[in-house]
N, C-alpha and C. Protein backbone atom coordinates (compact mmCIF):
# COMPACT_ATOMS: atom_id res chain seq x y z
N MET A 1 0.85 -1.28 -0.19
CA MET A 1 0.02 0.14 0.02
C MET A 1 1.10 1.24 -0.05
N VAL A 2 0.50 2.30 -0.97
CA VAL A 2 1.50 3.38 -1.05
C VAL A 2 1.04 4.22 0.32
N SER A 3 1.95 5.32 0.89
CA SER A 3 1.57 5.87 2.29
C SER A 3 0.43 6.74 1.94
N LYS A 4 -0.05 6.90 3.14
CA LYS A 4 -1.26 7.89 3.53
C LYS A 4 -1.11 9.34 2.91
N GLN A 5 0.23 9.47 2.65
CA GLN A 5 0.63 10.97 2.57
C GLN A 5 0.35 11.10 0.94
N THR A 6 0.09 10.10 0.23
CA THR A 6 -0.04 10.23 -1.35
C THR A 6 -1.49 10.53 -1.47
N THR A 7 -2.27 10.75 -0.66
CA THR A 7 -3.73 11.17 -0.79
C THR A 7 -3.73 12.81 -0.84
N ARG A 8 -2.29 13.56 -0.30
CA ARG A 8 -2.57 14.66 -0.57
C ARG A 8 -2.23 15.07 -2.05
N ALA A 9 -2.43 15.88 -2.60
CA ALA A 9 -2.48 16.30 -4.22
C ALA A 9 -0.79 16.34 -4.45
N MET A 10 -0.17 15.78 -5.14
CA MET A 10 1.08 16.14 -5.75
C MET A 10 1.25 16.77 -6.83
N ARG A 11 2.14 17.74 -6.84
CA ARG A 11 2.53 18.67 -7.90
C ARG A 11 3.08 17.64 -8.91
N PRO A 12 2.97 17.67 -10.16
CA PRO A 12 3.51 16.97 -11.28
C PRO A 12 4.88 17.30 -11.35
N LEU A 13 6.00 16.21 -11.59
CA LEU A 13 7.46 16.43 -11.89
C LEU A 13 7.67 16.76 -13.11
N THR A 14 8.74 17.90 -13.24
CA THR A 14 9.35 18.37 -14.26
C THR A 14 9.92 17.14 -15.19
N THR A 15 10.14 17.51 -16.38
CA THR A 15 10.69 16.66 -17.27
C THR A 15 12.16 15.98 -16.39
N ARG A 16 13.04 17.06 -16.08
CA ARG A 16 14.19 16.71 -15.43
C ARG A 16 14.06 16.18 -13.95
N GLU A 17 13.10 16.57 -13.27
CA GLU A 17 12.85 15.58 -12.09
C GLU A 17 12.54 14.20 -12.42
N GLN A 18 11.61 13.80 -13.43
CA GLN A 18 11.28 12.74 -14.00
C GLN A 18 12.70 11.75 -14.32
N GLN A 19 13.54 12.40 -15.02
CA GLN A 19 15.05 12.04 -15.66
C GLN A 19 15.48 11.53 -14.33
N VAL A 20 15.76 12.48 -13.09
CA VAL A 20 16.36 12.17 -11.97
C VAL A 20 15.84 11.32 -11.09
N LEU A 21 14.61 10.97 -11.20
CA LEU A 21 13.92 9.90 -10.49
C LEU A 21 14.19 8.76 -11.18
N GLN A 22 14.15 8.61 -12.34
CA GLN A 22 14.33 7.31 -13.28
C GLN A 22 15.86 6.85 -12.83
N LEU A 23 16.90 7.58 -12.80
CA LEU A 23 18.29 7.45 -12.40
C LEU A 23 18.31 6.97 -10.82
N MET A 24 17.68 7.54 -10.22
CA MET A 24 17.39 7.07 -8.78
C MET A 24 17.29 5.52 -8.92
N ALA A 25 15.88 5.18 -9.63
CA ALA A 25 15.45 3.84 -9.40
C ALA A 25 16.70 3.02 -10.01
N HIS A 26 17.47 3.51 -10.85
CA HIS A 26 18.42 2.49 -11.50
C HIS A 26 19.78 2.57 -10.59
N GLY A 27 19.68 3.34 -9.29
CA GLY A 27 20.84 3.03 -8.34
C GLY A 27 22.09 4.08 -8.63
N LEU A 28 21.67 5.35 -9.46
CA LEU A 28 22.75 5.98 -9.66
C LEU A 28 23.15 6.97 -8.51
N THR A 29 24.07 7.53 -8.16
CA THR A 29 24.27 8.71 -7.26
C THR A 29 24.08 9.99 -7.85
N SER A 30 23.98 10.94 -7.08
CA SER A 30 23.80 12.22 -7.60
C SER A 30 24.97 12.57 -8.45
N LYS A 31 26.34 12.24 -8.06
CA LYS A 31 27.32 12.58 -8.98
C LYS A 31 26.83 11.94 -10.39
N GLU A 32 27.01 10.46 -10.41
CA GLU A 32 26.68 9.65 -11.40
C GLU A 32 25.68 10.32 -12.29
N SER A 33 24.61 10.54 -11.59
CA SER A 33 23.18 10.97 -12.38
C SER A 33 23.66 12.42 -13.11
N GLY A 34 24.30 13.34 -12.37
CA GLY A 34 24.86 14.30 -12.83
C GLY A 34 25.76 14.56 -14.31
N LYS A 35 26.54 13.59 -14.15
CA LYS A 35 27.49 13.21 -15.27
C LYS A 35 26.83 12.51 -16.58
N ARG A 36 25.75 11.96 -15.94
CA ARG A 36 24.85 11.47 -17.39
C ARG A 36 24.05 12.72 -18.06
N LEU A 37 23.31 13.28 -16.99
CA LEU A 37 22.63 14.43 -17.50
C LEU A 37 23.58 15.74 -18.28
N GLY A 38 24.44 15.70 -17.69
CA GLY A 38 25.20 16.97 -17.98
C GLY A 38 24.89 18.34 -17.26
N ILE A 39 24.51 17.81 -15.99
CA ILE A 39 24.48 19.15 -14.74
C ILE A 39 25.22 18.54 -13.97
N SER A 40 25.29 19.55 -12.65
CA SER A 40 26.23 19.39 -11.63
C SER A 40 25.43 18.50 -10.66
N GLN A 41 26.20 17.97 -9.61
CA GLN A 41 25.89 17.25 -8.71
C GLN A 41 24.89 17.62 -7.72
N ARG A 42 24.89 19.00 -7.61
CA ARG A 42 24.39 19.87 -6.53
C ARG A 42 23.17 19.91 -7.49
N THR A 43 22.87 20.13 -8.32
CA THR A 43 21.69 20.28 -9.25
C THR A 43 20.85 19.07 -9.00
N VAL A 44 21.55 17.95 -9.49
CA VAL A 44 20.78 16.68 -9.29
C VAL A 44 20.41 16.76 -8.00
N GLU A 45 20.89 17.13 -6.65
CA GLU A 45 20.41 17.12 -5.50
C GLU A 45 19.56 17.96 -5.28
N THR A 46 19.25 19.20 -6.00
CA THR A 46 18.28 19.81 -5.71
C THR A 46 16.86 19.46 -6.37
N HIS A 47 17.14 18.87 -7.37
CA HIS A 47 16.12 18.08 -8.09
C HIS A 47 15.40 17.01 -7.18
N ARG A 48 16.38 16.18 -6.44
CA ARG A 48 16.06 15.16 -5.38
C ARG A 48 15.21 15.91 -4.26
N VAL A 49 15.39 16.98 -3.86
CA VAL A 49 14.76 17.46 -2.92
C VAL A 49 13.32 18.10 -3.36
N ALA A 50 13.28 18.42 -4.48
CA ALA A 50 12.10 18.79 -5.23
C ALA A 50 11.01 17.84 -5.28
N ILE A 51 11.80 16.53 -5.79
CA ILE A 51 10.84 15.33 -6.07
C ILE A 51 10.42 14.86 -4.70
N TYR A 52 11.00 14.77 -3.57
CA TYR A 52 10.58 14.69 -2.32
C TYR A 52 9.63 15.40 -1.99
N ARG A 53 9.82 16.84 -1.83
CA ARG A 53 8.83 17.61 -1.55
C ARG A 53 7.43 17.66 -2.39
N LYS A 54 7.61 17.24 -3.61
CA LYS A 54 6.24 17.44 -4.26
C LYS A 54 5.47 15.88 -4.31
N THR A 55 6.24 14.75 -4.14
CA THR A 55 5.53 13.63 -3.80
C THR A 55 5.26 13.42 -2.25
N HIS A 56 5.60 14.38 -1.53
CA HIS A 56 5.18 13.97 -0.14
C HIS A 56 6.26 13.05 0.58
N MET A 57 6.88 12.38 -0.14
CA MET A 57 7.82 11.29 0.32
C MET A 57 8.71 11.51 1.42
N THR A 58 9.03 10.62 2.35
CA THR A 58 10.13 10.83 3.13
C THR A 58 11.55 9.88 3.20
N SER A 59 11.50 8.90 2.21
CA SER A 59 12.37 8.05 2.32
C SER A 59 12.65 7.48 0.85
N MET A 60 13.91 7.20 0.54
CA MET A 60 14.02 6.39 -0.74
C MET A 60 13.15 5.31 -1.03
N ALA A 61 13.22 4.59 0.02
CA ALA A 61 12.36 3.17 -0.40
C ALA A 61 10.94 3.53 -0.59
N GLU A 62 10.59 4.35 0.25
CA GLU A 62 9.02 5.06 -0.13
C GLU A 62 8.71 5.61 -1.50
N LEU A 63 9.90 6.53 -1.63
CA LEU A 63 9.63 7.07 -3.04
C LEU A 63 9.64 6.18 -4.28
N LEU A 64 10.62 5.27 -4.22
CA LEU A 64 10.87 4.06 -5.52
C LEU A 64 9.55 3.32 -5.73
N ARG A 65 9.16 2.75 -4.33
CA ARG A 65 7.92 1.94 -4.39
C ARG A 65 6.71 2.69 -5.01
N TRP A 66 6.45 3.85 -4.85
CA TRP A 66 5.53 4.59 -5.28
C TRP A 66 5.84 4.97 -6.84
N ALA A 67 7.39 5.31 -7.04
CA ALA A 67 7.48 5.15 -8.75
C ALA A 67 7.11 4.11 -9.23
N ILE A 68 7.48 2.85 -8.80
CA ILE A 68 7.35 1.90 -9.29
C ILE A 68 5.73 1.39 -9.45
N ILE A 69 5.11 1.30 -8.64
CA ILE A 69 3.62 1.09 -8.39
C ILE A 69 2.71 1.78 -9.31
N THR A 70 3.27 3.26 -9.69
CA THR A 70 2.62 4.24 -10.18
C THR A 70 3.21 4.53 -11.86
N LYS A 71 4.16 3.68 -12.09
CA LYS A 71 4.92 3.40 -13.46
C LYS A 71 5.24 4.75 -14.06
N LYS A 72 5.71 5.28 -12.98
CA LYS A 72 6.86 6.76 -13.17
C LYS A 72 8.26 6.47 -13.60
N VAL A 73 8.42 5.22 -13.27
CA VAL A 73 10.06 4.59 -13.45
C VAL A 73 9.76 3.38 -14.34
N THR A 74 10.85 2.94 -14.96
CA THR A 74 10.94 1.37 -15.80
C THR A 74 12.25 1.07 -15.11
N LEU A 75 12.15 -0.61 -14.69
CA LEU A 75 13.61 -0.78 -13.83
C LEU A 75 14.20 -1.37 -14.94
N PRO A 76 15.33 -1.75 -15.12
CA PRO A 76 16.10 -2.43 -16.19
C PRO A 76 16.18 -4.03 -15.55
N LYS A 77 15.80 -4.93 -16.84
CA LYS A 77 15.84 -6.17 -16.82
C LYS A 77 17.04 -6.66 -16.52
N LYS A 78 16.83 -7.83 -15.60
CA LYS A 78 18.23 -8.68 -15.39
C LYS A 78 18.35 -9.49 -16.39
N GLU A 79 19.67 -9.52 -16.42
CA GLU A 79 20.31 -10.64 -17.43
C GLU A 79 19.79 -11.95 -17.32
N GLY A 80 19.32 -12.34 -18.45
CA GLY A 80 18.97 -13.98 -18.38
C GLY A 80 17.37 -14.12 -18.24
N THR A 81 16.95 -12.93 -18.09
CA THR A 81 15.26 -13.15 -18.02
C THR A 81 14.65 -12.43 -19.30
N ALA A 82 13.42 -12.70 -19.52
CA ALA A 82 12.81 -12.46 -20.97
C ALA A 82 12.01 -11.44 -20.69
């Protein structure tokens, strides 16, 4: 079950915030995400803060669970699976 906090209205994520969220789901650090997106580590951290604020989530586990359930992110397939 998704947190009771999700019953509050969530502001939509920007395209960049969605990209950062996707990279979070793939396990990249802020530094790695910044390199991938061509932005600074600090800018990625700012986007992460905005994501938590807009979604009313308080932990990475809670955020990623919500993102997976609501199909905001796609997870990479493991090698050897169909």
